[in-house]
Amino acid sequence: MKIARVETFLVRWGDLSQPVEAGLGAATAVVAIHADGMVGYGEASPMQGGVASLAVVARDMAPTLIGTDVLDHAVTVDRLLHKLIKLGPDGIVTGALAAVDIALWDLKGKAFRQPIHKLLGGAWRLRLPFYASIGGNAARDVDGVVRTVEARLRAEQPSAIKIRWDGTRSEIDRDIAGDIAKAKAVRRLVGDGYPLAFDANNRYSIGAAIRVGRALEELGYIWFEEPVEYYHFKAMGEVAQRLDITVSAGEQCYTLQSVAALIDSGVRMVQPDIVKMGGVTGLMQCAALCHAHGVEFVPHQTQPSIGNAANLQVLSTVMHATKPAELADGWSRVADTFVDAPRPEGGCLAVPDGPGLGLTIDEAMLARRRVDLAG
């Protein structure tokens, strides 16, 4: 199975009547690898639209990939990493490698006519509970947060909910009392016992994080995500060790070594993302690392199609999965292109069971939504 061609492009999410430039901030960054008449699809990290990672694939990785055997997957990916090691390994390069890795797994699944989870050793479950990940709450007032959560509850019937703050990362400790008020209002809405999580998106100092964390403990929230800046491992670990609520982090880890450093700091729930953390291969390695240290493995995943399908393929194989899978806002934004992407049903997502990722692509719609980047 020799690789014949590598493509990189964006798939726009929004209104196709808008100018192309207006859609580049909301798109899926895709790598398509062609071999033996088949195509494997992967997704790069979406940071800054994924454009930088796609450029690295097109310019620095594709020439090495052409002519290599798909089944020499591990050697090829490692060779690419070390070819470009001085550009990383965290960030753009690893986000690019994640897309290549996912595409190669998709190709292998199609070649052997098996879903990825079969190639990984089999699935423990083919329906996974999901949580609705609800962003943008820094900009909403209390009533706005409640209305947004209520709408997602009605529309999706999730098994749990996570409220995310997003917003400007430089505004540390901006409205602690207001944040706690929003957390209280959501608890009142869903009632006692319903699983809730709180994602601060790196917006607190250590002291403020502990104050908010204590309030979340009283409210019965089950985890507190990225309370402080993610790159301050020592600070994240201090907050984790001083609170009873589970503190989580890791969506911005790009290597196994950075996940290990987070665990060493004292964090006991890690959330690597398949489109950043080495693709399928990297996420499986992370699951093993977490199991070896007795740490919860709860991947982050906000991409609606390729990334989500790949994440579910991996999660289905993890016996010790402890929390629901993430389903972020706008999960249906490319449903007209990836026509059988997992959809919420009865609080669960079905793991795709077709070959590879298990996604069927509407080629006509893909052509309409596709944006090729200038070389």
Protein backbone atom coordinates (compact mmCIF):
# COMPACT_ATOMS: atom_id res chain seq x y z
CA MET A 1 0.00 0.00 0.00
CA LYS A 2 2.16 2.84 -1.28
CA ILE A 3 1.15 6.43 -0.67
CA ALA A 4 0.57 8.14 -4.00
CA ARG A 5 -0.69 11.59 -3.02
CA VAL A 6 -1.22 13.84 0.01
CA GLU A 7 -3.79 16.65 0.01
CA THR A 8 -4.35 19.40 2.56
CA PHE A 9 -7.43 21.64 2.63
CA LEU A 10 -10.05 23.25 4.84
CA VAL A 11 -13.71 22.27 5.03
CA ARG A 12 -15.77 25.37 5.81
CA TRP A 13 -18.54 25.11 8.39
CA GLY A 14 -20.67 28.15 7.87
CA ASP A 15 -22.99 29.75 5.37
CA LEU A 16 -21.62 29.01 1.91
CA SER A 17 -23.11 32.23 0.57
CA GLN A 18 -20.55 34.22 2.56
CA PRO A 19 -17.15 35.11 1.06
CA VAL A 20 -14.48 32.45 1.52
CA GLU A 21 -12.34 34.74 3.68
CA ALA A 22 -15.17 35.05 6.20
CA GLY A 23 -15.26 31.29 6.70
CA LEU A 24 -11.60 30.53 7.29
CA GLY A 25 -11.86 31.03 11.04
CA ALA A 26 -14.49 28.28 11.23
CA ALA A 27 -13.28 25.23 9.38
CA THR A 28 -12.00 21.69 9.71
CA ALA A 29 -8.32 21.28 8.78
CA VAL A 30 -8.11 18.10 6.69
CA VAL A 31 -5.29 15.88 5.46
CA ALA A 32 -6.27 13.33 2.78
CA ILE A 33 -3.79 10.53 2.01
CA HIS A 34 -4.30 8.49 -1.18
CA ALA A 35 -3.05 4.90 -1.55
CA ASP A 36 -4.17 1.99 -3.75
CA GLY A 37 -7.29 3.82 -4.89
CA MET A 38 -8.41 4.56 -1.32
CA VAL A 39 -8.37 7.79 0.68
CA GLY A 40 -7.68 8.13 4.39
CA TYR A 41 -8.82 11.30 6.13
CA GLY A 42 -7.21 12.97 9.12
CA GLU A 43 -7.78 16.21 11.00
CA ALA A 44 -5.16 18.64 12.24
CA SER A 45 -5.28 20.76 15.37
CA PRO A 46 -7.75 23.62 14.78
CA MET A 47 -5.62 26.26 16.46
CA GLN A 48 -5.61 29.40 14.31
CA GLY A 49 -7.73 27.53 11.82
CA GLY A 50 -5.23 24.69 11.47
CA VAL A 51 -3.59 26.55 8.59
CA ALA A 52 -0.07 26.37 10.01
CA SER A 53 -0.22 22.61 10.60
CA LEU A 54 -1.58 22.02 7.10
CA ALA A 55 1.30 24.07 5.66
CA VAL A 56 3.80 21.86 7.49
CA VAL A 57 2.12 18.74 6.08
CA ALA A 58 2.08 20.09 2.53
CA ARG A 59 5.60 21.46 2.45
CA ASP A 60 7.63 19.36 4.88
CA MET A 61 5.82 16.03 5.31
CA ALA A 62 4.17 15.16 1.99
CA PRO A 63 7.46 14.66 0.09
CA THR A 64 8.57 12.11 2.70
CA LEU A 65 5.18 10.37 2.73
CA ILE A 66 4.98 9.83 -1.05
CA GLY A 67 6.03 6.29 -1.91
CA THR A 68 6.07 4.98 1.67
CA ASP A 69 4.04 1.94 2.69
CA VAL A 70 0.93 2.73 4.73
CA LEU A 71 1.68 -0.30 6.92
CA ASP A 72 5.07 1.22 7.88
CA HIS A 73 2.93 3.73 9.76
CA ALA A 74 4.85 3.95 13.07
CA VAL A 75 8.26 4.27 11.41
CA THR A 76 6.98 6.91 9.00
CA VAL A 77 5.41 9.07 11.70
CA ASP A 78 8.47 8.84 13.94
CA ARG A 79 10.72 9.74 11.02
CA LEU A 80 8.61 12.81 10.28
CA LEU A 81 8.68 13.91 13.92
CA HIS A 82 12.44 13.74 14.13
CA LYS A 83 12.90 15.37 10.74
CA LEU A 84 11.07 18.42 12.11
CA ILE A 85 11.98 18.14 15.79
CA LYS A 86 13.53 21.62 15.93
CA LEU A 87 10.15 23.12 15.06
CA GLY A 88 8.52 21.39 18.03
CA PRO A 89 7.80 18.88 19.25
CA ASP A 90 4.82 20.72 20.81
CA GLY A 91 2.36 22.66 18.69
CA ILE A 92 2.21 22.98 14.92
CA VAL A 93 4.32 19.92 14.06
CA THR A 94 2.51 17.58 16.43
CA GLY A 95 -0.87 18.88 15.31
CA ALA A 96 0.17 18.09 11.74
CA LEU A 97 1.37 14.61 12.71
CA ALA A 98 -1.95 13.91 14.43
CA ALA A 99 -3.74 14.44 11.13
CA VAL A 100 -1.31 12.18 9.27
CA ASP A 101 -1.65 9.48 11.92
CA ILE A 102 -5.47 9.53 11.83
CA ALA A 103 -5.46 9.39 8.02
CA LEU A 104 -3.12 6.38 8.05
CA TRP A 105 -5.35 4.54 10.53
CA ASP A 106 -8.36 5.36 8.35
CA LEU A 107 -6.54 3.92 5.32
CA LYS A 108 -5.55 0.75 7.18
CA GLY A 109 -9.11 0.21 8.33
CA LYS A 110 -10.38 0.62 4.77
CA ALA A 111 -7.71 -1.76 3.44
CA PHE A 112 -8.65 -4.47 5.94
CA ARG A 113 -12.36 -3.57 5.85
CA GLN A 114 -12.48 -3.10 9.60
CA PRO A 115 -13.25 -0.15 11.89
CA ILE A 116 -10.25 1.28 13.69
CA HIS A 117 -11.44 -0.09 17.04
CA LYS A 118 -11.11 -3.64 15.66
CA LEU A 119 -7.52 -2.94 14.61
CA LEU A 120 -6.82 -1.65 18.13
CA GLY A 121 -8.01 -4.89 19.72
CA GLY A 122 -11.77 -4.47 19.94
CA ALA A 123 -14.38 -2.27 21.59
CA TRP A 124 -15.67 -2.70 25.14
CA ARG A 125 -18.76 -0.72 24.16
CA LEU A 126 -20.18 0.66 20.91
CA ARG A 127 -22.42 3.28 22.52
CA LEU A 128 -20.69 5.86 24.66
CA PRO A 129 -22.41 8.36 26.96
CA PHE A 130 -21.60 11.96 26.07
CA TYR A 131 -21.56 15.30 27.81
CA ALA A 132 -22.70 18.53 26.18
CA SER A 133 -19.77 20.95 26.18
CA ILE A 134 -21.28 24.45 26.24
CA GLY A 135 -18.95 27.37 25.53
CA GLY A 136 -19.10 31.15 25.49
CA ASN A 137 -20.35 31.60 29.05
CA ALA A 138 -17.93 34.39 29.97
CA ALA A 139 -19.88 36.70 27.68
CA ARG A 140 -23.34 35.70 28.96
CA ASP A 141 -25.16 36.90 32.04
CA VAL A 142 -26.64 34.37 34.46
CA ASP A 143 -29.98 34.17 32.62
CA GLY A 144 -28.18 33.75 29.30
CA VAL A 145 -26.16 30.82 30.65
CA VAL A 146 -29.30 29.14 31.99
CA ARG A 147 -31.17 29.58 28.69
CA THR A 148 -28.28 28.16 26.70
CA VAL A 149 -27.90 25.12 28.96
CA GLU A 150 -31.66 24.56 28.94
CA ALA A 151 -31.71 24.56 25.13
CA ARG A 152 -28.94 21.96 24.91
CA LEU A 153 -30.69 19.78 27.47
CA ARG A 154 -33.89 19.80 25.42
CA ALA A 155 -32.19 19.28 22.08
CA GLU A 156 -29.62 16.62 22.96
CA GLN A 157 -30.56 14.96 26.27
CA PRO A 158 -26.89 14.61 27.28
CA SER A 159 -25.67 12.35 30.07
CA ALA A 160 -23.78 15.29 31.62
CA ILE A 161 -23.01 18.96 30.96
CA LYS A 162 -19.83 21.01 31.01
CA ILE A 163 -20.05 24.79 31.04
CA ARG A 164 -17.04 26.51 29.45
CA TRP A 165 -15.96 30.09 29.94
CA ASP A 166 -13.79 30.73 26.84
CA GLY A 167 -13.25 34.47 26.57
CA THR A 168 -9.98 36.41 26.73
CA ARG A 169 -7.20 34.44 28.40
CA SER A 170 -5.47 37.62 29.60
CA GLU A 171 -8.37 38.64 31.86
CA ILE A 172 -7.39 36.66 34.94
CA ASP A 173 -9.81 36.66 37.93
CA ARG A 174 -12.16 39.05 36.12
CA ASP A 175 -15.50 38.10 37.72
CA ILE A 176 -15.14 35.39 40.35
CA ALA A 177 -18.45 36.12 42.07
CA GLY A 178 -20.26 36.18 38.73
CA ASP A 179 -18.71 32.87 37.68
CA ILE A 180 -19.85 31.23 40.90
CA ALA A 181 -23.34 32.70 40.44
CA LYS A 182 -23.53 31.09 36.98
CA ALA A 183 -22.39 27.74 38.37
CA LYS A 184 -25.10 27.96 41.06
CA ALA A 185 -27.79 28.83 38.52
CA VAL A 186 -26.94 25.82 36.34
CA ARG A 187 -27.07 23.53 39.36
CA ARG A 188 -30.52 24.88 40.24
CA LEU A 189 -31.66 24.26 36.68
CA VAL A 190 -30.57 20.61 36.45
CA GLY A 191 -31.17 19.63 40.07
CA ASP A 192 -29.02 17.79 42.57
CA GLY A 193 -27.18 14.75 41.34
CA TYR A 194 -27.04 15.63 37.63
CA PRO A 195 -23.36 15.43 36.51
CA LEU A 196 -21.88 18.89 35.92
CA ALA A 197 -18.37 20.07 35.05
CA PHE A 198 -16.84 23.56 34.95
CA ASP A 199 -14.14 24.58 32.43
CA ALA A 200 -12.41 27.79 33.48
CA ASN A 201 -10.25 27.94 30.32
CA ASN A 202 -7.14 29.05 32.26
CA ARG A 203 -8.81 32.19 33.67
CA TYR A 204 -7.80 32.12 37.38
CA SER A 205 -4.85 32.69 39.64
CA ILE A 206 -4.09 29.92 42.13
CA GLY A 207 -5.98 31.67 44.96
CA ALA A 208 -9.04 32.39 42.84
CA ALA A 209 -9.04 28.85 41.46
CA ILE A 210 -9.14 27.43 44.98
CA ARG A 211 -11.98 29.79 45.93
CA VAL A 212 -14.04 28.80 42.87
CA GLY A 213 -13.12 25.15 43.34
CA ARG A 214 -14.46 25.17 46.91
CA ALA A 215 -17.76 26.60 45.64
CA LEU A 216 -17.95 23.91 42.95
CA GLU A 217 -17.36 21.23 45.58
CA GLU A 218 -20.32 22.53 47.56
CA LEU A 219 -22.43 22.51 44.40
CA GLY A 220 -21.52 18.91 43.58
CA TYR A 221 -19.66 19.54 40.31
CA ILE A 222 -17.65 16.48 39.28
CA TRP A 223 -14.61 18.14 37.72
CA PHE A 224 -12.92 21.54 37.41
CA GLU A 225 -11.07 21.94 34.11
CA GLU A 226 -7.96 24.03 33.49
CA PRO A 227 -8.47 26.46 36.39
CA VAL A 228 -5.05 28.11 35.86
CA GLU A 229 -2.76 28.64 32.87
CA TYR A 230 -2.18 25.20 31.34
CA TYR A 231 1.57 25.69 30.89
CA HIS A 232 2.08 26.27 34.63
CA PHE A 233 2.20 22.58 35.56
CA LYS A 234 3.29 23.30 39.12
CA ALA A 235 0.38 25.73 39.66
CA MET A 236 -2.12 23.29 38.15
CA GLY A 237 -0.81 20.55 40.40
CA GLU A 238 -1.04 22.77 43.49
CA VAL A 239 -4.71 23.54 42.80
CA ALA A 240 -5.40 19.85 42.14
CA GLN A 241 -3.80 18.78 45.39
CA ARG A 242 -5.56 21.41 47.52
CA LEU A 243 -9.08 20.69 46.29
CA ASP A 244 -11.33 17.67 46.72
CA ILE A 245 -13.02 18.21 43.36
CA THR A 246 -11.16 16.51 40.49
CA VAL A 247 -9.00 19.04 38.64
CA SER A 248 -8.40 18.21 34.99
CA ALA A 249 -6.09 19.49 32.27
CA GLY A 250 -4.22 18.32 29.20
CA GLU A 251 -6.15 19.43 26.11
CA GLN A 252 -3.14 21.56 25.18
CA CYS A 253 -0.57 18.83 25.68
CA TYR A 254 1.00 17.75 22.41
CA THR A 255 3.42 15.05 23.58
CA LEU A 256 3.41 12.07 25.90
CA GLN A 257 6.15 13.75 27.91
CA SER A 258 3.98 16.81 28.62
CA VAL A 259 1.13 14.56 29.76
CA ALA A 260 3.59 12.78 32.07
CA ALA A 261 4.71 16.13 33.48
CA LEU A 262 1.10 17.05 34.18
CA ILE A 263 0.56 13.78 36.03
CA ASP A 264 3.79 14.33 37.99
CA SER A 265 2.49 17.75 39.06
CA GLY A 266 -0.46 16.11 40.83
CA VAL A 267 -3.26 16.30 38.25
CA ARG A 268 -5.40 13.15 38.39
CA MET A 269 -7.58 13.56 35.29
CA VAL A 270 -5.95 14.27 31.94
CA GLN A 271 -7.68 15.38 28.74
CA PRO A 272 -5.44 15.06 25.69
CA ASP A 273 -6.99 15.80 22.30
CA ILE A 274 -6.61 13.36 19.41
CA VAL A 275 -6.03 16.13 16.85
CA LYS A 276 -3.12 17.49 18.92
CA MET A 277 -1.78 14.52 20.88
CA GLY A 278 -0.40 12.28 18.14
CA GLY A 279 -3.66 11.09 16.62
CA VAL A 280 -4.93 7.57 17.30
CA THR A 281 -1.43 6.30 18.15
CA GLY A 282 -0.70 9.13 20.57
CA LEU A 283 -4.05 8.86 22.30
CA MET A 284 -3.61 5.10 22.82
CA GLN A 285 -0.17 5.73 24.33
CA CYS A 286 -1.69 8.34 26.62
CA ALA A 287 -4.41 5.91 27.73
CA ALA A 288 -1.71 3.40 28.70
CA LEU A 289 0.25 6.07 30.58
CA CYS A 290 -2.84 7.12 32.52
CA HIS A 291 -3.68 3.53 33.38
CA ALA A 292 -0.14 2.94 34.62
CA HIS A 293 -0.43 5.93 36.98
CA GLY A 294 -4.02 5.37 38.10
CA VAL A 295 -5.11 8.64 36.48
CA GLU A 296 -8.45 9.23 34.77
CA PHE A 297 -8.25 9.43 30.97
CA VAL A 298 -10.99 11.71 29.59
CA PRO A 299 -10.02 13.04 26.15
CA HIS A 300 -10.92 16.54 25.05
CA GLN A 301 -12.55 16.74 21.60
CA THR A 302 -14.43 19.66 20.08
CA GLN A 303 -14.18 18.85 16.37
CA PRO A 304 -17.45 17.70 14.81
CA SER A 305 -16.52 15.04 12.28
CA ILE A 306 -13.12 13.42 11.71
CA GLY A 307 -11.73 14.24 15.15
CA ASN A 308 -14.89 13.15 16.93
CA ALA A 309 -15.11 9.86 15.02
CA ALA A 310 -11.43 9.10 15.67
CA ASN A 311 -11.82 9.93 19.36
CA LEU A 312 -14.79 7.58 19.71
CA GLN A 313 -12.90 4.78 17.97
CA VAL A 314 -10.17 5.04 20.61
CA LEU A 315 -12.46 5.59 23.61
CA SER A 316 -14.46 2.48 22.79
CA THR A 317 -11.34 0.35 23.33
CA VAL A 318 -10.46 1.78 26.77
CA MET A 319 -11.75 -0.48 29.52
CA HIS A 320 -11.14 2.06 32.27
CA ALA A 321 -13.01 4.99 30.70
CA THR A 322 -14.64 6.83 33.60
CA LYS A 323 -16.41 9.87 32.14
CA PRO A 324 -18.61 10.61 29.12
CA ALA A 325 -17.17 11.66 25.76
CA GLU A 326 -17.24 15.34 24.82
CA LEU A 327 -19.75 16.71 22.31
CA ALA A 328 -19.15 20.40 21.74
CA ASP A 329 -21.30 23.23 20.45
CA GLY A 330 -22.11 23.09 16.75
CA TRP A 331 -21.56 19.35 16.39
CA SER A 332 -23.83 19.32 13.31
CA ARG A 333 -21.97 22.07 11.45
CA VAL A 334 -20.59 19.75 8.74
CA ALA A 335 -23.26 17.05 8.93
CA ASP A 336 -24.10 17.68 5.28
CA THR A 337 -20.54 16.66 4.33
CA PHE A 338 -19.74 13.85 6.77
CA VAL A 339 -23.22 12.45 6.47
CA ASP A 340 -23.06 9.70 9.09
CA ALA A 341 -20.93 11.45 11.70
CA PRO A 342 -21.97 10.40 15.23
CA ARG A 343 -25.11 12.16 16.48
CA PRO A 344 -26.55 12.33 20.01
CA GLU A 345 -29.22 9.78 20.77
CA GLY A 346 -30.53 8.87 24.20
CA GLY A 347 -27.56 10.46 25.96
CA CYS A 348 -25.06 8.43 23.89
CA LEU A 349 -22.97 8.53 20.73
CA ALA A 350 -22.69 5.41 18.58
CA VAL A 351 -19.15 4.44 17.61
CA PRO A 352 -18.96 4.30 13.79
CA ASP A 353 -18.68 0.67 12.66
CA GLY A 354 -17.74 1.12 8.99
CA PRO A 355 -14.17 0.58 7.73
CA GLY A 356 -11.54 2.92 9.15
CA LEU A 357 -13.10 5.95 10.79
CA GLY A 358 -16.50 4.75 9.57
CA LEU A 359 -17.38 8.08 7.96
CA THR A 360 -19.25 8.43 4.66
CA ILE A 361 -18.49 11.60 2.73
CA ASP A 362 -20.82 13.46 0.41
CA GLU A 363 -18.28 14.24 -2.31
CA ALA A 364 -20.43 16.94 -3.94
CA MET A 365 -20.85 18.80 -0.65
CA LEU A 366 -17.18 18.33 0.16
CA ALA A 367 -16.31 20.01 -3.12
CA ARG A 368 -18.58 22.94 -2.22
CA ARG A 369 -17.16 23.36 1.28
CA ARG A 370 -13.54 22.69 0.38
CA VAL A 371 -11.03 25.56 0.50
CA ASP A 372 -7.58 24.92 -0.94
CA LEU A 373 -4.81 26.94 0.65
CA ALA A 374 -2.36 28.90 -1.43
CA GLY A 375 1.04 27.28 -1.63
